[in-house]
Amino acid sequence: MITRAIVVFLIFVLLTFPVSITAQVQSLGQNIYAYISDNDHSANSTFLIGLSGILVVDTGLNETDGRKLLHEIRKISGLPITHIVNTHYHPDHQGGNAVVGPNALVISSPFTRERTVALMEQIEKNTLAKPTSAPDPAFRFQLASETFEKKLTIYLGEDPVEIVSPGPAHTMGDVYVWFPRQRTVAMGDLYLTNSSPAMDQGSVSNWIRSLDEILSLPVDHFVPGHFEVGSRQTVQRFRDYLVDLYSQVRRLRDAGATEEQVRKQIQMAKYSDFRQYPQFEATFGDNAISILRQMEDSK
C-alpha cells in the first residue's frame, strides 16, 4: 500500500520541478557515460553504448527531462535504446522511459513494477490532481516488461551488465547496475553524493549491508541517483553516515526517547556539509525518525 504522504510527496516533485540550464555528461570508461542532471527533482542516468544498441539506467522525471537525456545521448551515438533499467519506482527515475526508449526492454524489480502500477492508479484518483488540467506526461509511465528476483546478467555485445536486487533499502525494491569491464556502478538512490537521502518504506540496516556489498566490488566510478559522480571515499562516507545515525537512534530508542527527543538529540556535526532538503523530508532529523519507525515496526 502506498501511503498518502508518499503520494503527496511524489506529486509535489512532479508538479514543481524547476527549469534547468545545462546537464553534464561525463565519460567514465570505454563506451560508458554518466548523465548528471542539473534538476534536483530529476535523477541522474548512466548509459552504456554497445555494438548495436544502448542500455540506459534511469531516465529522469518526465518527458522534458527524458528528452534532455536523449539529446545528450544522440550527441554521442545514434544507436537505438534497446534496454532501460529503472532502479526503483519513484517518478524522477522512470518518468522519461517512453521518450528515451519507446521500444526498449524495460527492466526493474517486481516490487518496482507493482508499486508503479499502484502509483499510477492512485495518482489518477488523488484529489490533489486538478481535473481540468491537461495530464502531465510524468504521469504516463512505461512499465517494466521484464522483472527478476535477485540478479540478472545481460550482455551488450561483449560487455556484461549485472543488475542486482539487494533487498529492501531506500525502497522495498531497489536495484543497482554494475558494469564490470567499465568498473562503474549505477546506484540509483542507494547513494547520494554528500547528501541526506529521502527515505521510503525500506530498511536502513539492509541498506548499509547493500552499500558494503557494492564497496566490495572492483569499482572506480559510483553514479548516484542525484548530484556528482562519487568515489569510493564518498560512498564510504555516505555509508558511515547511515551507520552513525542508525547507532545513535538505536541508543536513544533503547533509552526510551520519543521521536521529538530523537530528532533533537542526534549529533551529526561531522556531516554538516551534507545537503538537506526539508521539503522532501531529507534531513538528519527526518532520516532519524524513519530509522526509529523501522526499528519499531520490526519488533
Protein backbone atom coordinates (compact mmCIF):
# COMPACT_ATOMS: atom_id res chain seq x y z
CA MET A 1 0.00 0.00 0.00
CA ILE A 2 1.25 3.49 -0.90
CA THR A 3 0.78 5.95 1.92
CA ARG A 4 -0.86 9.32 1.33
CA ALA A 5 2.35 11.06 2.45
CA ILE A 6 4.34 9.36 -0.29
CA VAL A 7 1.75 10.24 -2.93
CA VAL A 8 1.69 13.87 -1.83
CA PHE A 9 5.49 13.97 -1.90
CA LEU A 10 5.67 12.47 -5.39
CA ILE A 11 3.02 14.77 -6.81
CA PHE A 12 4.87 17.73 -5.30
CA VAL A 13 8.01 16.60 -7.11
CA LEU A 14 6.18 16.04 -10.38
CA LEU A 15 4.44 19.41 -10.41
CA THR A 16 7.11 21.74 -9.04
CA PHE A 17 10.34 20.90 -10.84
CA PRO A 18 12.44 23.95 -11.77
CA VAL A 19 13.57 24.96 -15.25
CA SER A 20 17.07 23.65 -15.83
CA ILE A 21 20.02 25.03 -17.74
CA THR A 22 22.61 22.52 -18.94
CA ALA A 23 23.15 18.97 -17.76
CA GLN A 24 26.59 17.35 -17.74
CA VAL A 25 27.73 14.18 -19.46
CA GLN A 26 30.85 12.55 -18.05
CA SER A 27 32.78 9.74 -19.73
CA LEU A 28 33.61 7.09 -17.13
CA GLY A 29 35.33 4.49 -19.28
CA GLN A 30 35.01 2.59 -22.52
CA ASN A 31 31.59 3.45 -24.00
CA ILE A 32 30.02 4.31 -20.63
CA TYR A 33 28.75 7.72 -19.56
CA ALA A 34 27.10 9.39 -16.59
CA TYR A 35 24.41 11.98 -17.27
CA ILE A 36 24.32 14.35 -14.30
CA SER A 37 21.01 16.16 -14.15
CA ASP A 38 21.01 19.82 -13.26
CA ASN A 39 17.44 19.47 -11.95
CA ASP A 40 17.40 18.48 -8.27
CA HIS A 41 13.94 16.98 -8.82
CA SER A 42 15.14 14.68 -11.60
CA ALA A 43 17.54 11.77 -11.39
CA ASN A 44 20.92 11.11 -12.93
CA SER A 45 21.30 8.47 -15.63
CA THR A 46 24.03 6.11 -16.79
CA PHE A 47 24.29 4.77 -20.33
CA LEU A 48 26.43 2.09 -21.97
CA ILE A 49 26.85 2.07 -25.75
CA GLY A 50 27.11 -1.42 -27.22
CA LEU A 51 27.78 -2.66 -30.73
CA SER A 52 24.16 -2.46 -31.84
CA GLY A 53 22.27 -0.76 -29.02
CA ILE A 54 22.36 1.34 -25.87
CA LEU A 55 21.42 0.47 -22.28
CA VAL A 56 20.20 3.32 -20.05
CA VAL A 57 19.85 3.25 -16.27
CA ASP A 58 17.06 5.64 -15.15
CA THR A 59 15.53 8.20 -17.49
CA GLY A 60 14.59 11.27 -15.46
CA LEU A 61 11.43 12.83 -14.14
CA ASN A 62 9.24 13.24 -17.21
CA GLU A 63 9.10 13.91 -20.93
CA THR A 64 11.09 17.14 -20.62
CA ASP A 65 13.97 15.59 -18.72
CA GLY A 66 13.83 12.44 -20.84
CA ARG A 67 14.26 14.50 -23.99
CA LYS A 68 17.23 16.30 -22.50
CA LEU A 69 18.85 12.96 -21.70
CA LEU A 70 18.13 11.59 -25.16
CA HIS A 71 19.56 14.74 -26.74
CA GLU A 72 22.85 14.20 -24.91
CA ILE A 73 22.93 10.50 -25.85
CA ARG A 74 22.40 11.41 -29.50
CA LYS A 75 25.45 13.67 -29.42
CA ILE A 76 27.48 10.50 -28.85
CA SER A 77 25.60 7.73 -30.66
CA GLY A 78 22.66 7.22 -32.97
CA LEU A 79 22.17 3.58 -31.99
CA PRO A 80 18.73 2.56 -30.70
CA ILE A 81 18.00 2.47 -26.99
CA THR A 82 17.46 -1.26 -26.53
CA HIS A 83 17.38 -1.59 -22.71
CA ILE A 84 16.25 0.61 -19.83
CA VAL A 85 16.81 -0.32 -16.18
CA ASN A 86 14.79 1.51 -13.52
CA THR A 87 16.48 1.41 -10.12
CA HIS A 88 13.22 1.99 -8.21
CA TYR A 89 9.66 3.21 -8.63
CA HIS A 90 9.98 6.93 -7.89
CA PRO A 91 8.91 9.02 -10.91
CA ASP A 92 12.13 11.01 -11.10
CA HIS A 93 13.90 7.79 -12.14
CA GLN A 94 11.43 6.43 -14.70
CA GLY A 95 9.27 9.30 -15.95
CA GLY A 96 11.30 9.60 -19.17
CA ASN A 97 11.12 5.93 -20.18
CA ALA A 98 8.66 6.36 -23.05
CA VAL A 99 10.65 9.23 -24.55
CA VAL A 100 14.13 7.78 -24.13
CA GLY A 101 13.35 4.24 -25.27
CA PRO A 102 9.81 3.74 -26.60
CA ASN A 103 10.79 0.33 -27.99
CA ALA A 104 13.28 -0.62 -25.27
CA LEU A 105 13.10 -3.63 -22.99
CA VAL A 106 12.38 -2.06 -19.58
CA ILE A 107 13.76 -3.96 -16.57
CA SER A 108 13.07 -3.46 -12.87
CA SER A 109 12.44 -5.39 -9.68
CA PRO A 110 8.96 -6.92 -9.30
CA PHE A 111 8.28 -4.51 -6.42
CA THR A 112 9.09 -1.50 -8.62
CA ARG A 113 6.68 -2.64 -11.31
CA GLU A 114 3.90 -3.43 -8.85
CA ARG A 115 4.36 -0.17 -6.97
CA THR A 116 4.39 1.82 -10.22
CA VAL A 117 1.05 0.31 -11.25
CA ALA A 118 -0.39 1.22 -7.84
CA LEU A 119 1.11 4.69 -8.01
CA MET A 120 -0.44 5.33 -11.43
CA GLU A 121 -3.86 4.28 -10.15
CA GLN A 122 -3.59 6.37 -7.01
CA ILE A 123 -2.38 9.48 -8.81
CA GLU A 124 -5.38 9.27 -11.14
CA LYS A 125 -7.73 9.17 -8.16
CA ASN A 126 -5.94 11.66 -5.96
CA THR A 127 -7.91 14.79 -5.21
CA LEU A 128 -4.78 16.92 -5.39
CA ALA A 129 -4.68 16.47 -9.17
CA LYS A 130 -6.57 19.22 -10.99
CA PRO A 131 -9.25 17.53 -13.10
CA THR A 132 -9.46 20.47 -15.51
CA SER A 133 -5.74 20.50 -16.37
CA ALA A 134 -4.07 18.50 -19.10
CA PRO A 135 -2.41 15.27 -17.93
CA ASP A 136 1.24 15.72 -17.04
CA PRO A 137 3.49 13.48 -19.18
CA ALA A 138 5.20 12.40 -15.97
CA PHE A 139 2.04 10.51 -15.02
CA ARG A 140 2.34 8.19 -18.03
CA PHE A 141 4.92 5.60 -17.10
CA GLN A 142 6.29 2.92 -19.40
CA LEU A 143 6.17 -0.16 -17.19
CA ALA A 144 8.85 -2.82 -16.96
CA SER A 145 8.35 -5.71 -19.37
CA GLU A 146 10.87 -7.87 -17.52
CA THR A 147 11.48 -8.32 -13.79
CA PHE A 148 13.83 -10.52 -11.78
CA GLU A 149 14.29 -11.53 -8.16
CA LYS A 150 17.98 -11.43 -7.18
CA LYS A 151 20.33 -10.94 -10.12
CA LEU A 152 20.09 -10.63 -13.87
CA THR A 153 23.04 -10.63 -16.27
CA ILE A 154 22.63 -9.26 -19.76
CA TYR A 155 25.19 -8.57 -22.46
CA LEU A 156 25.55 -5.55 -24.70
CA GLY A 157 27.82 -7.09 -27.28
CA GLU A 158 30.70 -8.43 -25.22
CA ASP A 159 30.04 -6.16 -22.24
CA PRO A 160 28.33 -7.87 -19.28
CA VAL A 161 25.86 -5.86 -17.25
CA GLU A 162 24.98 -7.15 -13.77
CA ILE A 163 21.60 -5.96 -12.45
CA VAL A 164 21.33 -6.74 -8.74
CA SER A 165 18.42 -6.54 -6.30
CA PRO A 166 19.93 -6.36 -2.78
CA GLY A 167 16.62 -6.33 -0.93
CA PRO A 168 14.85 -3.51 0.95
CA ALA A 169 16.97 -0.38 1.31
CA HIS A 170 15.93 3.06 0.05
CA THR A 171 12.64 1.43 -1.01
CA MET A 172 11.42 -2.14 -0.69
CA GLY A 173 12.68 -2.99 -4.17
CA ASP A 174 15.84 -1.13 -5.24
CA VAL A 175 18.31 -2.40 -7.82
CA TYR A 176 21.81 -1.31 -8.73
CA VAL A 177 23.64 -1.91 -12.00
CA TRP A 178 27.27 -3.00 -12.15
CA PHE A 179 29.35 -2.68 -15.31
CA PRO A 180 32.38 -4.91 -14.54
CA ARG A 181 34.50 -4.07 -17.58
CA GLN A 182 33.95 -0.35 -17.07
CA ARG A 183 34.50 -0.56 -13.27
CA THR A 184 31.33 1.50 -12.79
CA VAL A 185 28.16 1.04 -10.77
CA ALA A 186 24.87 2.94 -11.22
CA MET A 187 23.36 3.11 -7.74
CA GLY A 188 20.06 4.95 -8.03
CA ASP A 189 19.11 6.42 -4.66
CA LEU A 190 21.07 3.79 -2.75
CA TYR A 191 23.69 6.55 -2.79
CA LEU A 192 23.55 10.35 -2.96
CA THR A 193 26.78 12.31 -3.03
CA ASN A 194 27.23 14.38 0.15
CA SER A 195 23.53 14.45 0.89
CA SER A 196 20.92 13.17 3.32
CA PRO A 197 18.58 10.87 1.38
CA ALA A 198 14.82 10.84 1.35
CA MET A 199 13.78 7.54 2.95
CA ASP A 200 10.89 5.45 1.70
CA GLN A 201 9.48 2.34 3.40
CA GLY A 202 12.72 0.38 3.11
CA SER A 203 15.33 -0.90 5.55
CA VAL A 204 18.31 1.18 6.60
CA SER A 205 20.00 -1.84 8.20
CA ASN A 206 19.89 -3.73 4.89
CA TRP A 207 20.76 -0.52 3.05
CA ILE A 208 24.05 -0.48 4.96
CA ARG A 209 24.68 -4.11 4.03
CA SER A 210 23.93 -3.28 0.39
CA LEU A 211 26.50 -0.48 0.43
CA ASP A 212 29.06 -2.86 1.93
CA GLU A 213 28.30 -5.27 -0.91
CA ILE A 214 28.81 -2.56 -3.52
CA LEU A 215 32.00 -1.31 -1.88
CA SER A 216 33.40 -4.85 -2.10
CA LEU A 217 33.21 -4.71 -5.91
CA PRO A 218 36.16 -3.60 -8.09
CA VAL A 219 34.61 -0.23 -8.91
CA ASP A 220 36.15 3.18 -9.60
CA HIS A 221 33.05 5.22 -10.51
CA PHE A 222 29.83 5.38 -8.48
CA VAL A 223 26.93 7.12 -10.22
CA PRO A 224 24.46 8.39 -7.59
CA GLY A 225 20.77 8.98 -8.00
CA HIS A 226 21.45 12.71 -7.67
CA PHE A 227 24.44 15.06 -7.73
CA GLU A 228 28.01 14.49 -8.86
CA VAL A 229 29.68 11.12 -9.55
CA GLY A 230 31.09 9.66 -6.36
CA SER A 231 34.33 7.98 -5.41
CA ARG A 232 34.97 5.05 -3.11
CA GLN A 233 35.67 7.57 -0.36
CA THR A 234 32.39 9.48 -0.77
CA VAL A 235 30.34 6.26 -0.90
CA GLN A 236 32.12 5.03 2.23
CA ARG A 237 31.29 8.30 3.96
CA PHE A 238 27.62 8.05 2.97
CA ARG A 239 27.61 4.50 4.33
CA ASP A 240 29.26 5.70 7.54
CA TYR A 241 26.60 8.41 7.86
CA LEU A 242 23.87 5.76 7.83
CA VAL A 243 25.78 3.59 10.32
CA ASP A 244 26.41 6.53 12.66
CA LEU A 245 22.81 7.68 12.54
CA TYR A 246 21.45 4.15 12.95
CA SER A 247 23.64 3.59 16.03
CA GLN A 248 22.59 6.86 17.65
CA VAL A 249 18.90 6.21 17.03
CA ARG A 250 19.15 2.70 18.45
CA ARG A 251 20.85 4.01 21.60
CA LEU A 252 18.24 6.73 22.07
CA ARG A 253 15.37 4.31 21.43
CA ASP A 254 16.78 1.89 24.00
CA ALA A 255 16.88 4.76 26.48
CA GLY A 256 13.16 5.41 25.88
CA ALA A 257 13.48 8.59 23.83
CA THR A 258 10.43 9.92 21.98
CA GLU A 259 10.51 10.84 18.29
CA GLU A 260 10.92 14.51 19.15
CA GLN A 261 13.76 13.73 21.55
CA VAL A 262 15.49 11.59 18.94
CA ARG A 263 15.20 14.38 16.39
CA LYS A 264 16.75 16.90 18.79
CA GLN A 265 19.44 14.73 20.36
CA ILE A 266 21.19 13.19 17.36
CA GLN A 267 24.69 14.57 16.85
CA MET A 268 25.60 14.91 13.17
CA ALA A 269 28.15 17.75 13.17
CA LYS A 270 30.69 15.68 11.26
CA TYR A 271 28.27 15.61 8.30
CA SER A 272 27.46 19.33 8.38
CA ASP A 273 28.44 19.65 4.70
CA PHE A 274 25.69 17.24 3.59
CA ARG A 275 22.85 18.70 1.55
CA GLN A 276 19.48 18.61 3.29
CA TYR A 277 16.04 19.10 1.75
CA PRO A 278 13.28 19.63 4.32
CA GLN A 279 10.62 19.79 1.58
CA PHE A 280 11.49 16.19 0.64
CA GLU A 281 11.85 15.01 4.25
CA ALA A 282 15.55 14.52 3.51
CA THR A 283 17.24 15.91 6.63
CA PHE A 284 19.20 14.38 9.50
CA GLY A 285 16.12 14.55 11.70
CA ASP A 286 13.82 13.07 9.06
CA ASN A 287 16.28 10.22 8.48
CA ALA A 288 16.47 9.57 12.22
CA ILE A 289 12.69 9.32 12.54
CA SER A 290 12.49 6.97 9.55
CA ILE A 291 15.07 4.71 11.19
CA LEU A 292 13.25 4.83 14.53
CA ARG A 293 9.97 3.83 12.90
CA GLN A 294 11.65 0.97 11.05
CA MET A 295 13.02 -0.27 14.36
CA GLU A 296 9.59 -0.05 15.94
CA ASP A 297 7.93 -1.86 13.03
CA SER A 298 10.46 -4.69 13.23
CA LYS A 299 9.64 -5.51 16.89
